[in-house]
Amino acid sequence: MLKPAPVAATLVDNYDDSEGYYRITPGEVLDNGRYQITVNLGKGMFAQVMRAKVLKPSNAEEKIGQEVAIKVIRSQESM
């Protein structure tokens, strides 16, 4: 299991890169501890997809340790 990513003390509303894509950090935990990011799978014009493991199942179909894909929509004012 990956260790949680360190939290940068200087990170203040700087979650996106200059192109509006979320800065993915392997080991980062999302959605109140529900998922842990393992790797960035790729990005396209409007979003990017990352692989994650389930830490806290939210329904009967999810299992702890199950791999899932998470799609994150790009944040760009021109869109």
PDB file of N, CA and C in Angstrom:
ATOM      1  N   MET A   1       0.839  -1.182   0.000  1.00  0.00           N
ATOM      2  CA  MET A   1       0.000   0.000   0.000  1.00  0.00           C
ATOM      3  C   MET A   1       0.884   1.245   0.000  1.00  0.00           C
ATOM      4  N   LEU A   2       0.494   2.230  -0.746  1.00  0.00           N
ATOM      5  CA  LEU A   2       1.241   3.481  -0.808  1.00  0.00           C
ATOM      6  C   LEU A   2       1.071   4.277   0.472  1.00  0.00           C
ATOM      7  N   LYS A   3       2.104   5.029   0.807  1.00  0.00           N
ATOM      8  CA  LYS A   3       2.013   5.934   1.950  1.00  0.00           C
ATOM      9  C   LYS A   3       1.353   7.227   1.487  1.00  0.00           C
ATOM     10  N   PRO A   4       0.624   7.919   2.371  1.00  0.00           N
ATOM     11  CA  PRO A   4       0.013   9.193   1.985  1.00  0.00           C
ATOM     12  C   PRO A   4       1.073  10.189   1.519  1.00  0.00           C
ATOM     13  N   ALA A   5       0.723  10.977   0.527  1.00  0.00           N
ATOM     14  CA  ALA A   5       1.635  11.992   0.009  1.00  0.00           C
ATOM     15  C   ALA A   5       1.818  13.087   1.048  1.00  0.00           C
ATOM     16  N   PRO A   6       3.035  13.649   1.132  1.00  0.00           N
ATOM     17  CA  PRO A   6       3.254  14.753   2.067  1.00  0.00           C
ATOM     18  C   PRO A   6       2.478  15.985   1.630  1.00  0.00           C
ATOM     19  N   VAL A   7       2.046  16.768   2.582  1.00  0.00           N
ATOM     20  CA  VAL A   7       1.296  17.984   2.294  1.00  0.00           C
ATOM     21  C   VAL A   7       2.281  19.146   2.252  1.00  0.00           C
ATOM     22  N   ALA A   8       2.285  19.870   1.148  1.00  0.00           N
ATOM     23  CA  ALA A   8       3.189  21.006   1.004  1.00  0.00           C
ATOM     24  C   ALA A   8       2.636  22.200   1.773  1.00  0.00           C
ATOM     25  N   ALA A   9       3.474  22.794   2.597  1.00  0.00           N
ATOM     26  CA  ALA A   9       3.040  23.934   3.399  1.00  0.00           C
ATOM     27  C   ALA A   9       2.752  25.156   2.537  1.00  0.00           C
ATOM     28  N   THR A  10       3.353  25.224   1.331  1.00  0.00           N
ATOM     29  CA  THR A  10       3.167  26.387   0.472  1.00  0.00           C
ATOM     30  C   THR A  10       2.012  26.221  -0.498  1.00  0.00           C
ATOM     31  N   LEU A  11       1.310  25.098  -0.446  1.00  0.00           N
ATOM     32  CA  LEU A  11       0.220  24.830  -1.382  1.00  0.00           C
ATOM     33  C   LEU A  11      -1.045  25.549  -0.922  1.00  0.00           C
ATOM     34  N   VAL A  12      -1.368  26.653  -1.588  1.00  0.00           N
ATOM     35  CA  VAL A  12      -2.564  27.424  -1.263  1.00  0.00           C
ATOM     36  C   VAL A  12      -3.337  27.659  -2.551  1.00  0.00           C
ATOM     37  N   ASP A  13      -4.436  26.928  -2.729  1.00  0.00           N
ATOM     38  CA  ASP A  13      -5.253  27.027  -3.940  1.00  0.00           C
ATOM     39  C   ASP A  13      -4.427  26.905  -5.211  1.00  0.00           C
ATOM     40  N   ASN A  14      -3.429  26.041  -5.195  1.00  0.00           N
ATOM     41  CA  ASN A  14      -2.593  25.823  -6.363  1.00  0.00           C
ATOM     42  C   ASN A  14      -2.686  24.354  -6.750  1.00  0.00           C
ATOM     43  N   TYR A  15      -3.914  23.870  -6.915  1.00  0.00           N
ATOM     44  CA  TYR A  15      -4.142  22.464  -7.191  1.00  0.00           C
ATOM     45  C   TYR A  15      -3.985  22.136  -8.666  1.00  0.00           C
ATOM     46  N   ASP A  16      -4.120  23.125  -9.543  1.00  0.00           N
ATOM     47  CA  ASP A  16      -4.053  22.898 -10.980  1.00  0.00           C
ATOM     48  C   ASP A  16      -2.747  23.432 -11.553  1.00  0.00           C
ATOM     49  N   ASP A  17      -2.302  22.814 -12.666  1.00  0.00           N
ATOM     50  CA  ASP A  17      -1.120  23.331 -13.343  1.00  0.00           C
ATOM     51  C   ASP A  17      -1.531  24.496 -14.247  1.00  0.00           C
ATOM     52  N   SER A  18      -0.594  25.032 -15.021  1.00  0.00           N
ATOM     53  CA  SER A  18      -0.876  26.213 -15.845  1.00  0.00           C
ATOM     54  C   SER A  18      -1.896  25.937 -16.945  1.00  0.00           C
ATOM     55  N   GLU A  19      -2.121  24.662 -17.292  1.00  0.00           N
ATOM     56  CA  GLU A  19      -3.093  24.312 -18.330  1.00  0.00           C
ATOM     57  C   GLU A  19      -4.456  23.924 -17.757  1.00  0.00           C
ATOM     58  N   GLY A  20      -4.604  23.963 -16.430  1.00  0.00           N
ATOM     59  CA  GLY A  20      -5.881  23.666 -15.799  1.00  0.00           C
ATOM     60  C   GLY A  20      -6.073  22.213 -15.397  1.00  0.00           C
ATOM     61  N   TYR A  21      -5.026  21.390 -15.510  1.00  0.00           N
ATOM     62  CA  TYR A  21      -5.118  19.991 -15.090  1.00  0.00           C
ATOM     63  C   TYR A  21      -4.746  19.873 -13.613  1.00  0.00           C
ATOM     64  N   TYR A  22      -5.474  19.031 -12.888  1.00  0.00           N
ATOM     65  CA  TYR A  22      -5.200  18.800 -11.479  1.00  0.00           C
ATOM     66  C   TYR A  22      -3.812  18.184 -11.319  1.00  0.00           C
ATOM     67  N   ARG A  23      -3.034  18.679 -10.374  1.00  0.00           N
ATOM     68  CA  ARG A  23      -1.689  18.131 -10.116  1.00  0.00           C
ATOM     69  C   ARG A  23      -1.838  16.843  -9.310  1.00  0.00           C
ATOM     70  N   ILE A  24      -1.582  15.728  -9.959  1.00  0.00           N
ATOM     71  CA  ILE A  24      -1.731  14.417  -9.325  1.00  0.00           C
ATOM     72  C   ILE A  24      -0.452  14.058  -8.580  1.00  0.00           C
ATOM     73  N   THR A  25      -0.606  13.588  -7.340  1.00  0.00           N
ATOM     74  CA  THR A  25       0.510  13.117  -6.538  1.00  0.00           C
ATOM     75  C   THR A  25       0.234  11.674  -6.150  1.00  0.00           C
ATOM     76  N   PRO A  26       1.031  10.716  -6.680  1.00  0.00           N
ATOM     77  CA  PRO A  26       0.820   9.315  -6.280  1.00  0.00           C
ATOM     78  C   PRO A  26       0.872   9.174  -4.761  1.00  0.00           C
ATOM     79  N   GLY A  27      -0.076   8.441  -4.212  1.00  0.00           N
ATOM     80  CA  GLY A  27      -0.196   8.284  -2.769  1.00  0.00           C
ATOM     81  C   GLY A  27      -1.190   9.231  -2.144  1.00  0.00           C
ATOM     82  N   GLU A  28      -1.604  10.235  -2.892  1.00  0.00           N
ATOM     83  CA  GLU A  28      -2.582  11.213  -2.403  1.00  0.00           C
ATOM     84  C   GLU A  28      -3.926  10.533  -2.138  1.00  0.00           C
ATOM     85  N   VAL A  29      -4.583  10.952  -1.082  1.00  0.00           N
ATOM     86  CA  VAL A  29      -5.879  10.398  -0.708  1.00  0.00           C
ATOM     87  C   VAL A  29      -6.961  11.413  -1.058  1.00  0.00           C
ATOM     88  N   LEU A  30      -8.004  10.940  -1.756  1.00  0.00           N
ATOM     89  CA  LEU A  30      -9.092  11.807  -2.205  1.00  0.00           C
ATOM     90  C   LEU A  30     -10.416  11.424  -1.567  1.00  0.00           C
ATOM     91  N   ASP A  31     -11.350  12.325  -1.643  1.00  0.00           N
ATOM     92  CA  ASP A  31     -12.742  12.106  -1.232  1.00  0.00           C
ATOM     93  C   ASP A  31     -12.853  11.614   0.214  1.00  0.00           C
ATOM     94  N   ASN A  32     -12.276  12.391   1.126  1.00  0.00           N
ATOM     95  CA  ASN A  32     -12.335  12.088   2.570  1.00  0.00           C
ATOM     96  C   ASN A  32     -11.836  10.687   2.912  1.00  0.00           C
ATOM     97  N   GLY A  33     -10.729  10.288   2.281  1.00  0.00           N
ATOM     98  CA  GLY A  33     -10.122   9.001   2.594  1.00  0.00           C
ATOM     99  C   GLY A  33     -10.689   7.822   1.837  1.00  0.00           C
ATOM    100  N   ARG A  34     -11.519   8.080   0.855  1.00  0.00           N
ATOM    101  CA  ARG A  34     -12.167   6.989   0.107  1.00  0.00           C
ATOM    102  C   ARG A  34     -11.230   6.335  -0.909  1.00  0.00           C
ATOM    103  N   TYR A  35     -10.403   7.130  -1.599  1.00  0.00           N
ATOM    104  CA  TYR A  35      -9.520   6.615  -2.647  1.00  0.00           C
ATOM    105  C   TYR A  35      -8.084   7.059  -2.419  1.00  0.00           C
ATOM    106  N   GLN A  36      -7.132   6.229  -2.869  1.00  0.00           N
ATOM    107  CA  GLN A  36      -5.723   6.600  -2.853  1.00  0.00           C
ATOM    108  C   GLN A  36      -5.187   6.491  -4.279  1.00  0.00           C
ATOM    109  N   ILE A  37      -4.645   7.596  -4.789  1.00  0.00           N
ATOM    110  CA  ILE A  37      -4.150   7.659  -6.155  1.00  0.00           C
ATOM    111  C   ILE A  37      -2.894   6.804  -6.287  1.00  0.00           C
ATOM    112  N   THR A  38      -2.833   6.013  -7.371  1.00  0.00           N
ATOM    113  CA  THR A  38      -1.638   5.212  -7.625  1.00  0.00           C
ATOM    114  C   THR A  38      -0.849   5.730  -8.820  1.00  0.00           C
ATOM    115  N   VAL A  39      -1.535   6.116  -9.888  1.00  0.00           N
ATOM    116  CA  VAL A  39      -0.817   6.568 -11.090  1.00  0.00           C
ATOM    117  C   VAL A  39      -1.749   7.375 -12.000  1.00  0.00           C
ATOM    118  N   ASN A  40      -1.158   8.282 -12.766  1.00  0.00           N
ATOM    119  CA  ASN A  40      -1.894   9.033 -13.776  1.00  0.00           C
ATOM    120  C   ASN A  40      -1.947   8.172 -15.032  1.00  0.00           C
ATOM    121  N   LEU A  41      -3.135   7.916 -15.555  1.00  0.00           N
ATOM    122  CA  LEU A  41      -3.280   7.076 -16.744  1.00  0.00           C
ATOM    123  C   LEU A  41      -3.201   7.878 -18.036  1.00  0.00           C
ATOM    124  N   GLY A  42      -3.543   9.149 -17.990  1.00  0.00           N
ATOM    125  CA  GLY A  42      -3.467   9.977 -19.186  1.00  0.00           C
ATOM    126  C   GLY A  42      -4.406  11.152 -19.116  1.00  0.00           C
ATOM    127  N   LYS A  43      -4.252  12.027 -20.109  1.00  0.00           N
ATOM    128  CA  LYS A  43      -5.123  13.197 -20.155  1.00  0.00           C
ATOM    129  C   LYS A  43      -5.476  13.511 -21.592  1.00  0.00           C
ATOM    130  N   GLY A  44      -6.620  14.160 -21.732  1.00  0.00           N
ATOM    131  CA  GLY A  44      -7.111  14.564 -23.034  1.00  0.00           C
ATOM    132  C   GLY A  44      -7.451  16.037 -23.020  1.00  0.00           C
ATOM    133  N   MET A  45      -8.235  16.459 -23.959  1.00  0.00           N
ATOM    134  CA  MET A  45      -8.562  17.874 -24.103  1.00  0.00           C
ATOM    135  C   MET A  45      -9.374  18.419 -22.935  1.00  0.00           C
ATOM    136  N   PHE A  46     -10.288  17.610 -22.364  1.00  0.00           N
ATOM    137  CA  PHE A  46     -11.200  18.113 -21.344  1.00  0.00           C
ATOM    138  C   PHE A  46     -11.000  17.526 -19.950  1.00  0.00           C
ATOM    139  N   ALA A  47     -10.214  16.451 -19.820  1.00  0.00           N
ATOM    140  CA  ALA A  47     -10.078  15.794 -18.513  1.00  0.00           C
ATOM    141  C   ALA A  47      -8.835  14.913 -18.483  1.00  0.00           C
ATOM    142  N   GLN A  48      -8.566  14.384 -17.309  1.00  0.00           N
ATOM    143  CA  GLN A  48      -7.498  13.398 -17.146  1.00  0.00           C
ATOM    144  C   GLN A  48      -8.050  12.245 -16.311  1.00  0.00           C
ATOM    145  N   VAL A  49      -7.402  11.094 -16.429  1.00  0.00           N
ATOM    146  CA  VAL A  49      -7.853   9.908 -15.725  1.00  0.00           C
ATOM    147  C   VAL A  49      -6.704   9.368 -14.892  1.00  0.00           C
ATOM    148  N   MET A  50      -7.014   8.983 -13.666  1.00  0.00           N
ATOM    149  CA  MET A  50      -6.004   8.414 -12.774  1.00  0.00           C
ATOM    150  C   MET A  50      -6.504   7.088 -12.223  1.00  0.00           C
ATOM    151  N   ARG A  51      -5.566   6.217 -11.899  1.00  0.00           N
ATOM    152  CA  ARG A  51      -5.894   4.938 -11.261  1.00  0.00           C
ATOM    153  C   ARG A  51      -5.794   5.146  -9.756  1.00  0.00           C
ATOM    154  N   ALA A  52      -6.725   4.541  -9.033  1.00  0.00           N
ATOM    155  CA  ALA A  52      -6.744   4.664  -7.574  1.00  0.00           C
ATOM    156  C   ALA A  52      -7.187   3.344  -6.963  1.00  0.00           C
ATOM    157  N   LYS A  53      -6.898   3.195  -5.668  1.00  0.00           N
ATOM    158  CA  LYS A  53      -7.366   2.032  -4.914  1.00  0.00           C
ATOM    159  C   LYS A  53      -8.421   2.490  -3.917  1.00  0.00           C
ATOM    160  N   VAL A  54      -9.411   1.650  -3.720  1.00  0.00           N
ATOM    161  CA  VAL A  54     -10.479   1.947  -2.768  1.00  0.00           C
ATOM    162  C   VAL A  54      -9.952   1.707  -1.355  1.00  0.00           C
ATOM    163  N   LEU A  55     -10.071   2.716  -0.505  1.00  0.00           N
ATOM    164  CA  LEU A  55      -9.695   2.588   0.907  1.00  0.00           C
ATOM    165  C   LEU A  55     -10.928   2.408   1.788  1.00  0.00           C
ATOM    166  N   LYS A  56     -12.023   3.099   1.415  1.00  0.00           N
ATOM    167  CA  LYS A  56     -13.289   3.015   2.154  1.00  0.00           C
ATOM    168  C   LYS A  56     -14.418   2.794   1.151  1.00  0.00           C
ATOM    169  N   PRO A  57     -14.925   1.578   1.043  1.00  0.00           N
ATOM    170  CA  PRO A  57     -16.028   1.332   0.105  1.00  0.00           C
ATOM    171  C   PRO A  57     -17.258   2.153   0.476  1.00  0.00           C
ATOM    172  N   SER A  58     -17.942   2.659  -0.551  1.00  0.00           N
ATOM    173  CA  SER A  58     -19.150   3.451  -0.294  1.00  0.00           C
ATOM    174  C   SER A  58     -20.424   2.690  -0.647  1.00  0.00           C
ATOM    175  N   ASN A  59     -20.263   1.518  -1.260  1.00  0.00           N
ATOM    176  CA  ASN A  59     -21.437   0.711  -1.593  1.00  0.00           C
ATOM    177  C   ASN A  59     -21.033  -0.763  -1.627  1.00  0.00           C
ATOM    178  N   ALA A  60     -21.991  -1.635  -1.841  1.00  0.00           N
ATOM    179  CA  ALA A  60     -21.745  -3.083  -1.798  1.00  0.00           C
ATOM    180  C   ALA A  60     -20.864  -3.565  -2.951  1.00  0.00           C
ATOM    181  N   GLU A  61     -20.798  -2.815  -4.056  1.00  0.00           N
ATOM    182  CA  GLU A  61     -20.002  -3.238  -5.200  1.00  0.00           C
ATOM    183  C   GLU A  61     -18.517  -2.937  -5.044  1.00  0.00           C
ATOM    184  N   GLU A  62     -18.157  -1.965  -4.206  1.00  0.00           N
ATOM    185  CA  GLU A  62     -16.748  -1.622  -4.001  1.00  0.00           C
ATOM    186  C   GLU A  62     -16.146  -2.477  -2.895  1.00  0.00           C
ATOM    187  N   LYS A  63     -14.897  -2.866  -3.093  1.00  0.00           N
ATOM    188  CA  LYS A  63     -14.160  -3.647  -2.095  1.00  0.00           C
ATOM    189  C   LYS A  63     -12.862  -2.923  -1.759  1.00  0.00           C
ATOM    190  N   ILE A  64     -12.399  -3.043  -0.541  1.00  0.00           N
ATOM    191  CA  ILE A  64     -11.128  -2.441  -0.138  1.00  0.00           C
ATOM    192  C   ILE A  64     -10.019  -3.022  -1.010  1.00  0.00           C
ATOM    193  N   GLY A  65      -9.175  -2.142  -1.550  1.00  0.00           N
ATOM    194  CA  GLY A  65      -8.067  -2.559  -2.400  1.00  0.00           C
ATOM    195  C   GLY A  65      -8.415  -2.666  -3.877  1.00  0.00           C
ATOM    196  N   GLN A  66      -9.700  -2.581  -4.202  1.00  0.00           N
ATOM    197  CA  GLN A  66     -10.125  -2.646  -5.595  1.00  0.00           C
ATOM    198  C   GLN A  66      -9.557  -1.454  -6.361  1.00  0.00           C
ATOM    199  N   GLU A  67      -9.114  -1.677  -7.600  1.00  0.00           N
ATOM    200  CA  GLU A  67      -8.626  -0.583  -8.426  1.00  0.00           C
ATOM    201  C   GLU A  67      -9.785   0.029  -9.202  1.00  0.00           C
ATOM    202  N   VAL A  68      -9.794   1.351  -9.245  1.00  0.00           N
ATOM    203  CA  VAL A  68     -10.829   2.094  -9.959  1.00  0.00           C
ATOM    204  C   VAL A  68     -10.158   3.184 -10.785  1.00  0.00           C
ATOM    205  N   ALA A  69     -10.875   3.705 -11.754  1.00  0.00           N
ATOM    206  CA  ALA A  69     -10.414   4.851 -12.537  1.00  0.00           C
ATOM    207  C   ALA A  69     -11.225   6.067 -12.101  1.00  0.00           C
ATOM    208  N   ILE A  70     -10.535   7.183 -11.939  1.00  0.00           N
ATOM    209  CA  ILE A  70     -11.196   8.430 -11.556  1.00  0.00           C
ATOM    210  C   ILE A  70     -10.913   9.458 -12.642  1.00  0.00           C
ATOM    211  N   LYS A  71     -11.970  10.066 -13.153  1.00  0.00           N
ATOM    212  CA  LYS A  71     -11.845  11.086 -14.186  1.00  0.00           C
ATOM    213  C   LYS A  71     -11.988  12.453 -13.531  1.00  0.00           C
ATOM    214  N   VAL A  72     -11.017  13.336 -13.796  1.00  0.00           N
ATOM    215  CA  VAL A  72     -11.034  14.688 -13.226  1.00  0.00           C
ATOM    216  C   VAL A  72     -11.140  15.678 -14.386  1.00  0.00           C
ATOM    217  N   ILE A  73     -12.199  16.466 -14.381  1.00  0.00           N
ATOM    218  CA  ILE A  73     -12.452  17.435 -15.439  1.00  0.00           C
ATOM    219  C   ILE A  73     -11.470  18.593 -15.317  1.00  0.00           C
ATOM    220  N   ARG A  74     -10.974  19.025 -16.430  1.00  0.00           N
ATOM    221  CA  ARG A  74     -10.011  20.131 -16.506  1.00  0.00           C
ATOM    222  C   ARG A  74     -10.665  21.447 -16.092  1.00  0.00           C
ATOM    223  N   SER A  75      -9.940  22.257 -15.365  1.00  0.00           N
ATOM    224  CA  SER A  75     -10.429  23.556 -14.912  1.00  0.00           C
ATOM    225  C   SER A  75      -9.798  24.648 -15.786  1.00  0.00           C
ATOM    226  N   GLN A  76     -10.594  25.191 -16.672  1.00  0.00           N
ATOM    227  CA  GLN A  76     -10.073  26.202 -17.583  1.00  0.00           C
ATOM    228  C   GLN A  76     -11.181  27.221 -17.854  1.00  0.00           C
ATOM    229  N   GLU A  77     -10.885  28.485 -17.686  1.00  0.00           N
ATOM    230  CA  GLU A  77     -11.905  29.512 -17.869  1.00  0.00           C
ATOM    231  C   GLU A  77     -12.439  29.553 -19.287  1.00  0.00           C
ATOM    232  N   SER A  78     -11.608  29.230 -20.277  1.00  0.00           N
ATOM    233  CA  SER A  78     -12.047  29.302 -21.676  1.00  0.00           C
ATOM    234  C   SER A  78     -13.007  28.179 -22.029  1.00  0.00           C
ATOM    235  N   MET A  79     -13.157  27.182 -21.138  1.00  0.00           N
ATOM    236  CA  MET A  79     -14.038  26.060 -21.436  1.00  0.00           C
ATOM    237  C   MET A  79     -15.335  26.339 -20.784  1.00  0.00           C
TER     238      MET A  79
END
